[in-house]
Amino acid sequence: MPPASTPSKDKRSRPVKIAEAIKDWVVEQHLQAGDRLPSEPEMIERFGMAKSTIREAMRILEAQGLVKTRTGPGGGSFVHEVSEERARALLGNYFYFKDLTVADIYQLRRALEPELAASLAGRLSETALLQLEDTVAAYAEPAKTVDEEREQHIASLRFHAILAEQSDNDLLGFLIRFMANMLSDLTVYRQLYAPPNYELWAKGKDYQQRLIKALRYGKSDEARQIMSDHMATAQHLMESQEAEVARRFIPE
């Protein structure tokens, strides 16, 4: 019989372990953003660690955006809520060298966005619906230049971010906004907007206008189907753009 496997040892450094312990303690104590953390001597006593370890753990938490330190009167260390912009930036950094493709992003978009659309049918305020209509109006006419095409791509993705902002599910909303942001960045730095694609503009605008109507009148199943078709069509056309760009860089 093969020897029984031994449990893997935790290879994290001591400051990293203490940083995690501090986060667990903050959750257990139900501390909120802006609440003061214990002083350094109190931390040393509470966690039974040397001053250097506590200081390094606090630096780790500050780098993660979970702790904010202020000096002077009333200063100290405080619980800090990570902004969505910072969270997106940190997560984006992780994927920076992952060589993501249009297909990678649309695999998730096609799974999540139709369900988001269905969940929002009949629940959007008139203000939100007008915001969606105003966004579509920004690309009412097809782009005449490459620069206009780039701006229209970004604006059309903003449409989806606006929808995500209306979700009651914070995780779902964040993931969809993150994907829209990633696709926007991918479009710009890989120049997937060139040359202008009339079919992508026309079909995308049509889907979005139909979707607004379904959302306004509470047609959940119709909203789901429109978004599903929208994502499938957009993936096909964006992958064509991606292939066209790749061909431009292949020598004859």
Protein backbone atom coordinates (compact mmCIF):
# COMPACT_ATOMS: atom_id res chain seq x y z
CA MET A 1 0.00 0.00 0.00
CA PRO A 2 1.27 3.52 -0.76
CA PRO A 3 2.14 5.55 2.31
CA ALA A 4 -0.61 7.80 3.60
CA SER A 5 -0.22 11.38 2.43
CA THR A 6 0.74 13.89 5.09
CA PRO A 7 -1.14 17.18 5.44
CA SER A 8 0.52 20.02 3.54
CA LYS A 9 2.25 22.58 5.71
CA ASP A 10 1.14 26.19 5.66
CA LYS A 11 4.08 27.89 3.94
CA ARG A 12 2.77 31.43 4.36
CA SER A 13 5.01 33.85 6.20
CA ARG A 14 4.18 34.81 9.77
CA PRO A 15 3.11 38.40 8.86
CA VAL A 16 0.75 37.03 6.17
CA LYS A 17 -0.81 34.64 8.70
CA ILE A 18 -1.25 37.47 11.20
CA ALA A 19 -2.77 39.72 8.52
CA GLU A 20 -5.35 36.99 7.87
CA ALA A 21 -5.94 36.62 11.62
CA ILE A 22 -6.55 40.36 11.93
CA LYS A 23 -9.07 40.23 9.07
CA ASP A 24 -10.87 37.33 10.76
CA TRP A 25 -10.94 39.27 14.03
CA VAL A 26 -12.39 42.36 12.30
CA VAL A 27 -15.21 40.21 10.88
CA GLU A 28 -15.85 38.52 14.23
CA GLN A 29 -16.07 41.93 15.94
CA HIS A 30 -18.45 43.23 13.23
CA LEU A 31 -16.22 46.23 12.62
CA GLN A 32 -17.23 48.54 9.79
CA ALA A 33 -15.34 50.90 7.49
CA GLY A 34 -14.03 53.81 9.55
CA ASP A 35 -13.86 51.91 12.85
CA ARG A 36 -10.59 52.27 14.74
CA LEU A 37 -8.37 49.22 15.10
CA PRO A 38 -6.55 48.43 18.38
CA SER A 39 -3.25 50.19 19.00
CA GLU A 40 0.03 48.48 18.18
CA PRO A 41 0.69 47.43 21.83
CA GLU A 42 -2.83 45.97 21.99
CA MET A 43 -2.23 44.08 18.73
CA ILE A 44 1.03 42.69 20.08
CA GLU A 45 -0.73 41.44 23.18
CA ARG A 46 -3.84 40.16 21.37
CA PHE A 47 -1.98 38.14 18.72
CA GLY A 48 1.12 37.29 20.77
CA MET A 49 3.55 38.47 18.12
CA ALA A 50 6.60 40.73 18.00
CA LYS A 51 6.26 44.39 17.03
CA SER A 52 7.98 43.79 13.68
CA THR A 53 5.51 41.04 12.74
CA ILE A 54 2.49 43.16 13.66
CA ARG A 55 3.85 46.12 11.69
CA GLU A 56 4.48 44.00 8.61
CA ALA A 57 0.99 42.46 8.87
CA MET A 58 -0.53 45.95 9.04
CA ARG A 59 1.51 47.02 6.00
CA ILE A 60 0.12 44.01 4.11
CA LEU A 61 -3.45 44.98 5.03
CA GLU A 62 -2.81 48.59 4.06
CA ALA A 63 -1.41 47.49 0.67
CA GLN A 64 -4.59 45.44 0.18
CA GLY A 65 -6.64 48.54 0.88
CA LEU A 66 -8.29 47.04 3.97
CA VAL A 67 -6.59 49.31 6.50
CA LYS A 68 -6.01 53.05 6.42
CA THR A 69 -3.46 54.68 8.71
CA ARG A 70 -3.66 58.33 9.73
CA THR A 71 -1.05 60.28 11.67
CA GLY A 72 -1.43 63.25 14.00
CA PRO A 73 -4.19 63.97 16.53
CA GLY A 74 -6.95 61.40 16.27
CA GLY A 75 -4.70 59.24 14.12
CA GLY A 76 -4.24 55.50 14.17
CA SER A 77 -5.24 52.54 12.04
CA PHE A 78 -8.80 52.22 10.76
CA VAL A 79 -10.85 49.66 8.86
CA HIS A 80 -11.07 50.76 5.24
CA GLU A 81 -13.51 49.60 2.57
CA VAL A 82 -11.88 48.73 -0.73
CA SER A 83 -13.46 50.73 -3.56
CA GLU A 84 -14.81 48.88 -6.59
CA GLU A 85 -12.32 50.74 -8.78
CA ARG A 86 -9.42 49.44 -6.70
CA ALA A 87 -10.85 45.92 -6.62
CA ARG A 88 -11.24 45.94 -10.41
CA ALA A 89 -7.70 47.26 -10.83
CA LEU A 90 -6.20 44.58 -8.56
CA LEU A 91 -8.16 41.81 -10.27
CA GLY A 92 -7.27 43.27 -13.66
CA ASN A 93 -3.59 43.14 -12.71
CA TYR A 94 -3.97 39.43 -12.00
CA PHE A 95 -5.32 38.81 -15.51
CA TYR A 96 -2.86 41.17 -17.20
CA PHE A 97 -0.50 38.36 -18.24
CA LYS A 98 -3.18 35.70 -18.75
CA ASP A 99 -3.63 36.42 -22.47
CA LEU A 100 -7.42 36.48 -22.24
CA THR A 101 -9.41 36.15 -25.44
CA VAL A 102 -12.80 37.44 -26.52
CA ALA A 103 -14.12 33.87 -26.12
CA ASP A 104 -12.92 33.70 -22.51
CA ILE A 105 -14.87 36.82 -21.58
CA TYR A 106 -17.99 35.95 -23.54
CA GLN A 107 -18.17 32.50 -21.99
CA LEU A 108 -19.01 34.24 -18.72
CA ARG A 109 -21.05 37.04 -20.26
CA ARG A 110 -23.33 34.53 -22.00
CA ALA A 111 -23.91 32.70 -18.72
CA LEU A 112 -24.55 35.73 -16.52
CA GLU A 113 -26.00 38.61 -18.51
CA PRO A 114 -29.20 36.94 -19.77
CA GLU A 115 -30.10 36.10 -16.16
CA LEU A 116 -29.34 39.65 -15.07
CA ALA A 117 -31.64 41.00 -17.78
CA ALA A 118 -34.44 38.62 -16.79
CA SER A 119 -34.12 39.60 -13.13
CA LEU A 120 -34.42 43.32 -13.93
CA ALA A 121 -37.50 43.15 -16.18
CA GLY A 122 -40.24 45.37 -14.79
CA ARG A 123 -38.04 46.50 -11.88
CA LEU A 124 -36.05 49.38 -13.35
CA SER A 125 -36.87 52.96 -12.48
CA GLU A 126 -37.72 55.40 -15.24
CA THR A 127 -34.44 57.16 -14.44
CA ALA A 128 -32.47 53.96 -15.12
CA LEU A 129 -34.40 53.28 -18.33
CA LEU A 130 -33.73 56.82 -19.56
CA GLN A 131 -30.06 56.38 -18.73
CA LEU A 132 -29.99 53.27 -20.92
CA GLU A 133 -31.78 55.10 -23.74
CA ASP A 134 -29.37 58.04 -23.50
CA THR A 135 -26.43 55.62 -23.73
CA VAL A 136 -27.79 54.02 -26.91
CA ALA A 137 -28.44 57.49 -28.34
CA ALA A 138 -24.68 58.15 -28.08
CA TYR A 139 -24.18 55.76 -30.99
CA ALA A 140 -27.38 56.43 -32.91
CA GLU A 141 -25.41 56.70 -36.16
CA PRO A 142 -22.68 54.36 -37.40
CA ALA A 143 -19.10 55.47 -36.84
CA LYS A 144 -17.44 57.33 -39.66
CA THR A 145 -13.89 57.07 -38.33
CA VAL A 146 -11.83 54.59 -36.36
CA ASP A 147 -11.79 56.96 -33.37
CA GLU A 148 -15.60 57.15 -33.41
CA GLU A 149 -15.76 53.36 -33.62
CA ARG A 150 -13.56 53.05 -30.52
CA GLU A 151 -15.74 55.46 -28.56
CA GLN A 152 -18.90 53.65 -29.64
CA HIS A 153 -17.48 50.29 -28.48
CA ILE A 154 -16.76 51.76 -25.06
CA ALA A 155 -20.20 53.40 -24.85
CA SER A 156 -21.99 50.18 -25.82
CA LEU A 157 -20.21 48.33 -23.01
CA ARG A 158 -21.25 51.11 -20.64
CA PHE A 159 -24.85 50.06 -21.42
CA HIS A 160 -24.14 46.70 -19.79
CA ALA A 161 -22.38 48.28 -16.81
CA ILE A 162 -25.46 50.44 -16.18
CA LEU A 163 -27.64 47.33 -16.15
CA ALA A 164 -25.25 45.64 -13.72
CA GLU A 165 -25.48 48.65 -11.38
CA GLN A 166 -29.20 47.95 -10.97
CA SER A 167 -28.71 44.40 -9.68
CA ASP A 168 -29.54 43.54 -6.08
CA ASN A 169 -26.80 40.90 -6.23
CA ASP A 170 -23.55 42.75 -5.50
CA LEU A 171 -21.38 39.86 -6.71
CA LEU A 172 -23.28 39.49 -9.99
CA GLY A 173 -23.16 43.24 -10.58
CA PHE A 174 -19.44 43.42 -9.87
CA LEU A 175 -18.58 40.49 -12.16
CA ILE A 176 -20.53 41.92 -15.09
CA ARG A 177 -19.05 45.40 -14.63
CA PHE A 178 -15.60 43.85 -14.36
CA MET A 179 -16.08 41.89 -17.58
CA ALA A 180 -17.36 44.97 -19.40
CA ASN A 181 -14.30 46.85 -18.21
CA MET A 182 -11.96 44.02 -19.27
CA LEU A 183 -13.58 43.82 -22.70
CA SER A 184 -13.32 47.59 -23.08
CA ASP A 185 -9.61 47.47 -22.26
CA LEU A 186 -9.10 44.48 -24.55
CA THR A 187 -10.89 46.28 -27.38
CA VAL A 188 -8.72 49.37 -27.01
CA TYR A 189 -5.24 47.92 -26.56
CA ARG A 190 -5.75 45.23 -29.23
CA GLN A 191 -7.51 47.73 -31.53
CA LEU A 192 -10.48 45.42 -32.06
CA TYR A 193 -12.49 48.45 -33.12
CA ALA A 194 -10.56 48.74 -36.41
CA PRO A 195 -11.77 48.61 -39.06
CA PRO A 196 -15.29 49.90 -38.17
CA ASN A 197 -17.81 47.05 -38.21
CA TYR A 198 -21.25 48.19 -39.42
CA GLU A 199 -22.92 44.84 -38.63
CA LEU A 200 -21.68 44.90 -35.03
CA TRP A 201 -23.04 48.44 -34.59
CA ALA A 202 -26.42 47.78 -36.23
CA LYS A 203 -27.20 44.48 -34.53
CA GLY A 204 -25.91 45.63 -31.14
CA LYS A 205 -28.04 48.78 -31.20
CA ASP A 206 -31.12 46.82 -32.28
CA TYR A 207 -30.71 44.27 -29.49
CA GLN A 208 -30.26 46.99 -26.89
CA GLN A 209 -33.30 48.98 -28.04
CA ARG A 210 -35.46 45.84 -27.96
CA LEU A 211 -34.06 44.94 -24.56
CA ILE A 212 -35.03 48.33 -23.11
CA LYS A 213 -38.63 47.76 -24.22
CA ALA A 214 -38.72 44.28 -22.68
CA LEU A 215 -37.28 45.63 -19.43
CA ARG A 216 -39.75 48.54 -19.34
CA TYR A 217 -42.78 46.28 -19.79
CA GLY A 218 -41.63 43.52 -17.45
CA LYS A 219 -41.15 40.82 -20.09
CA SER A 220 -38.65 38.68 -18.23
CA ASP A 221 -38.39 35.73 -20.65
CA GLU A 222 -38.15 38.06 -23.63
CA ALA A 223 -35.40 40.09 -21.93
CA ARG A 224 -33.45 36.90 -21.22
CA GLN A 225 -33.71 35.73 -24.84
CA ILE A 226 -32.78 39.11 -26.32
CA MET A 227 -29.70 39.35 -24.12
CA SER A 228 -28.73 35.76 -24.91
CA ASP A 229 -28.98 36.45 -28.66
CA HIS A 230 -27.14 39.75 -28.19
CA MET A 231 -24.23 38.03 -26.43
CA ALA A 232 -24.01 35.23 -29.01
CA THR A 233 -24.01 37.66 -31.93
CA ALA A 234 -21.55 40.02 -30.26
CA GLN A 235 -19.16 37.14 -29.52
CA HIS A 236 -19.24 35.96 -33.12
CA LEU A 237 -18.61 39.44 -34.52
CA MET A 238 -15.96 40.34 -31.93
CA GLU A 239 -14.10 37.08 -32.58
CA SER A 240 -14.14 38.01 -36.27
CA GLN A 241 -12.61 41.37 -35.35
CA GLU A 242 -10.02 39.58 -33.22
CA ALA A 243 -9.10 37.27 -36.11
CA GLU A 244 -8.88 40.21 -38.51
CA VAL A 245 -6.49 42.04 -36.20
CA ALA A 246 -4.35 38.89 -35.86
CA ARG A 247 -4.13 38.57 -39.65
CA ARG A 248 -2.88 42.16 -39.93
CA PHE A 249 0.17 41.23 -37.88
CA ILE A 250 0.99 38.03 -39.73
CA PRO A 251 3.64 38.65 -42.44
CA GLU A 252 2.72 37.76 -45.99
